[in-house]
Protein backbone atom coordinates (compact mmCIF):
# COMPACT_ATOMS: atom_id res chain seq x y z
CA MET A 1 107.75 113.04 95.06
CA VAL A 2 105.35 110.48 96.55
CA VAL A 3 106.35 107.80 94.03
CA LEU A 4 110.03 108.35 94.85
CA VAL A 5 109.38 108.04 98.59
CA ILE A 6 107.29 104.87 98.12
CA GLY A 7 110.06 103.38 95.98
CA LEU A 8 112.70 104.24 98.59
CA VAL A 9 110.59 102.76 101.39
CA ILE A 10 110.08 99.52 99.44
CA PHE A 11 113.66 99.17 98.17
CA LEU A 12 115.56 100.32 101.26
CA GLY A 13 113.03 98.71 103.60
CA LEU A 14 113.47 95.36 101.88
CA HIS A 15 117.24 95.73 101.97
CA SER A 16 117.02 96.49 105.70
CA VAL A 17 115.33 93.23 106.68
CA ARG A 18 118.66 91.75 107.86
CA ILE A 19 119.17 94.82 110.05
CA VAL A 20 115.78 94.86 111.76
CA ALA A 21 114.34 91.35 111.36
CA ASP A 22 117.08 88.82 110.68
CA ASP A 23 115.28 86.04 112.57
CA TRP A 24 112.09 86.67 110.56
CA ARG A 25 114.16 86.57 107.35
CA SER A 26 115.71 83.23 108.36
CA ALA A 27 112.27 81.85 109.18
CA GLN A 28 110.93 82.91 105.78
CA ILE A 29 113.86 81.30 103.97
CA ALA A 30 113.27 78.09 105.95
CA ARG A 31 109.54 78.20 105.19
CA LEU A 32 109.71 79.13 101.49
CA GLY A 33 113.10 77.75 100.50
CA GLU A 34 116.10 79.78 99.40
CA GLY A 35 115.16 79.90 95.69
CA PRO A 36 111.59 81.16 96.15
CA TRP A 37 112.77 83.64 98.82
CA LYS A 38 115.39 85.06 96.45
CA GLY A 39 112.84 85.22 93.65
CA LEU A 40 110.29 87.06 95.78
CA TYR A 41 113.02 89.32 97.19
CA SER A 42 114.24 90.15 93.68
CA LEU A 43 110.71 90.90 92.47
CA VAL A 44 109.98 93.28 95.33
CA ALA A 45 113.42 94.92 94.94
CA ALA A 46 112.78 95.42 91.21
CA VAL A 47 109.41 97.05 91.94
CA GLY A 48 111.05 99.36 94.49
CA LEU A 49 113.87 100.25 92.10
CA ALA A 50 111.43 100.92 89.25
CA LEU A 51 109.43 103.24 91.52
CA ILE A 52 112.63 105.05 92.57
CA VAL A 53 113.64 105.61 88.94
CA TRP A 54 110.14 106.68 87.90
CA GLY A 55 109.64 108.86 90.99
CA TYR A 56 113.02 110.55 90.61
CA GLY A 57 112.22 111.28 86.97
CA LEU A 58 108.85 112.75 87.96
CA ALA A 59 110.47 114.85 90.69
CA ARG A 60 112.99 116.27 88.21
CA THR A 61 110.15 117.69 86.09
CA ALA A 62 109.09 119.94 88.99
CA PRO A 63 112.28 120.45 90.99
CA VAL A 64 112.32 121.93 94.47
CA ASP A 65 115.65 123.70 94.97
CA LEU A 66 117.06 123.66 98.49
CA TRP A 67 120.50 125.10 97.69
CA SER A 68 122.83 125.69 94.74
CA PRO A 69 125.98 123.62 95.12
CA PRO A 70 129.20 125.27 93.94
CA LEU A 71 130.65 124.02 90.65
CA TRP A 72 133.64 122.39 92.36
CA THR A 73 131.30 119.88 94.06
CA ARG A 74 130.59 118.31 90.64
CA HIS A 75 134.31 117.68 90.21
CA LEU A 76 134.62 116.28 93.72
CA ALA A 77 131.60 114.03 93.12
CA SER A 78 133.19 112.69 89.94
CA LEU A 79 136.40 111.98 91.83
CA LEU A 80 134.62 110.27 94.75
CA THR A 81 132.64 107.99 92.46
CA LEU A 82 135.85 106.44 91.10
CA PRO A 83 136.65 104.62 94.37
CA ALA A 84 132.94 103.83 94.70
CA PHE A 85 133.11 101.90 91.42
CA VAL A 86 136.32 100.16 92.53
CA LEU A 87 134.66 99.14 95.79
CA LEU A 88 131.66 97.81 93.89
CA ALA A 89 133.96 95.71 91.69
CA ALA A 90 135.87 94.50 94.78
CA ALA A 91 132.61 93.13 96.18
CA TYR A 92 132.39 90.73 93.22
CA VAL A 93 136.05 89.79 92.68
CA PRO A 94 136.72 86.95 95.14
CA GLY A 95 139.63 87.21 97.52
CA THR A 96 140.49 90.90 97.25
CA ARG A 97 142.48 92.53 100.01
CA ILE A 98 139.98 95.36 99.76
CA LYS A 99 137.18 93.04 100.87
CA ALA A 100 139.39 91.48 103.54
CA ALA A 101 140.08 94.95 104.98
CA ILE A 102 136.60 96.47 104.64
CA GLY A 103 134.34 93.43 104.82
CA HIS A 104 131.51 94.96 102.83
CA PRO A 105 132.98 97.03 99.98
CA MET A 106 129.67 97.37 98.10
CA VAL A 107 128.07 99.08 101.09
CA VAL A 108 131.05 101.42 101.49
CA GLY A 109 130.91 102.14 97.75
CA THR A 110 127.22 102.99 98.13
CA LYS A 111 128.11 105.39 100.95
CA LEU A 112 130.67 107.14 98.77
CA TRP A 113 128.30 107.30 95.78
CA ALA A 114 125.47 108.74 97.89
CA PHE A 115 127.72 111.23 99.71
CA ALA A 116 129.26 112.42 96.42
CA HIS A 117 125.83 113.00 94.91
CA LEU A 118 124.56 114.78 98.01
CA LEU A 119 127.48 117.20 97.73
CA SER A 120 126.78 118.06 94.12
CA ASN A 121 122.97 118.18 94.06
CA GLY A 122 120.78 120.58 95.98
CA ARG A 123 117.23 119.58 95.18
CA LEU A 124 114.71 117.94 97.47
CA ALA A 125 114.50 114.79 95.34
CA ASP A 126 118.31 114.48 95.51
CA VAL A 127 118.30 114.81 99.29
CA LEU A 128 115.62 112.14 99.56
CA LEU A 129 117.31 109.75 97.12
CA PHE A 130 120.96 110.15 98.03
CA GLY A 131 120.33 110.98 101.69
CA GLY A 132 118.15 107.87 101.98
CA PHE A 133 120.84 105.67 100.45
CA LEU A 134 123.55 107.26 102.60
CA ALA A 135 121.62 106.76 105.85
CA TRP A 136 120.72 103.19 104.87
CA SER A 137 124.31 102.30 103.92
CA VAL A 138 125.68 103.70 107.19
CA LEU A 139 123.21 101.58 109.19
CA LEU A 140 123.75 98.50 107.03
CA PHE A 141 127.53 98.71 107.29
CA ALA A 142 127.42 98.97 111.09
CA ALA A 143 124.95 96.06 111.34
CA SER A 144 126.94 93.92 108.91
CA ARG A 145 130.21 94.48 110.76
CA ARG A 146 128.50 93.69 114.08
CA ARG A 147 127.10 90.47 112.60
CA ASP A 148 130.54 89.53 111.22
CA ARG A 149 132.15 90.05 114.65
CA ALA A 150 129.41 88.07 116.41
CA GLN A 151 129.87 85.18 113.97
CA GLY A 152 133.65 85.42 114.01
CA LYS A 153 133.59 85.94 110.26
CA SER A 154 136.63 87.20 108.42
CA TYR A 155 137.36 87.62 104.74
CA VAL A 156 140.43 85.96 103.27
CA ALA A 157 142.82 88.10 101.27
CA GLY A 158 144.06 86.52 98.08
CA PRO A 159 146.90 87.62 95.85
CA LEU A 160 147.37 91.27 94.92
CA SER A 161 146.30 90.40 91.38
CA ARG A 162 142.69 90.16 92.61
CA ASP A 163 142.83 93.76 93.82
CA LEU A 164 144.38 94.87 90.55
CA ILE A 165 141.48 93.22 88.71
CA ALA A 166 138.96 94.99 90.97
CA VAL A 167 140.71 98.35 90.47
CA GLY A 168 140.90 97.83 86.70
CA VAL A 169 137.28 96.71 86.31
CA GLY A 170 136.04 99.47 88.62
CA ALA A 171 138.03 102.17 86.82
CA LEU A 172 136.87 100.99 83.39
CA ALA A 173 133.25 100.88 84.56
CA TRP A 174 133.64 104.38 86.03
CA VAL A 175 135.05 105.74 82.74
CA ALA A 176 132.30 104.07 80.70
CA PHE A 177 129.56 105.33 82.99
CA ALA A 178 130.95 108.84 83.39
CA LEU A 179 131.74 109.42 79.73
CA TRP A 180 129.03 107.52 77.89
CA LEU A 181 126.20 106.26 80.10
CA HIS A 182 125.48 108.87 82.79
CA GLY A 183 124.33 111.48 80.26
CA PRO A 184 121.86 109.31 78.32
CA LEU A 185 120.58 107.44 81.38
CA ILE A 186 120.52 110.21 84.00
CA GLY A 187 120.43 113.34 81.87
CA VAL A 188 123.59 114.87 83.34
CA ARG A 189 127.05 114.63 81.82
CA PRO A 190 129.66 114.65 84.61
CA PHE A 191 132.43 115.85 82.28
CA GLY A 192 130.71 118.23 79.97
């Protein structure tokens, strides 16, 4: 469990720098340059993510059950992850109305993903992993929206076709992950 917690602290801590130390972040980018900052940031994020994956795997070998979620929560989690994938896609398709309305669709998608997995998993490692991501995404979304308002930033909505692309890509990614990738990668098959 310690490896999982260290990974979460590194990964979520790094991804919280804009929330708690935006001026320090700006100073580091000015000092190092944008390329080296992004490289260092990516390296530290990769280390944190690797520790999360490794730590979660270790924790699953000696699970600590907190509760037994009812079967229907698995179905609800599968349903909630569909819009999470669409929101993730909308973050990368420029000019979606989804992004114009929400501002930060990837963060909202992360909230949905984490909440869905908290509902359907009752082990301590799950609470740490998904609860950590849920708490972080709630704080990040609030901070990001505050920053947008302070800067007068808005997101331009393009044609509806951009949203249709985001919905299509997100739905296809959800199907591929749910049917073929989740089982081999995570060890749990959402639909069987």
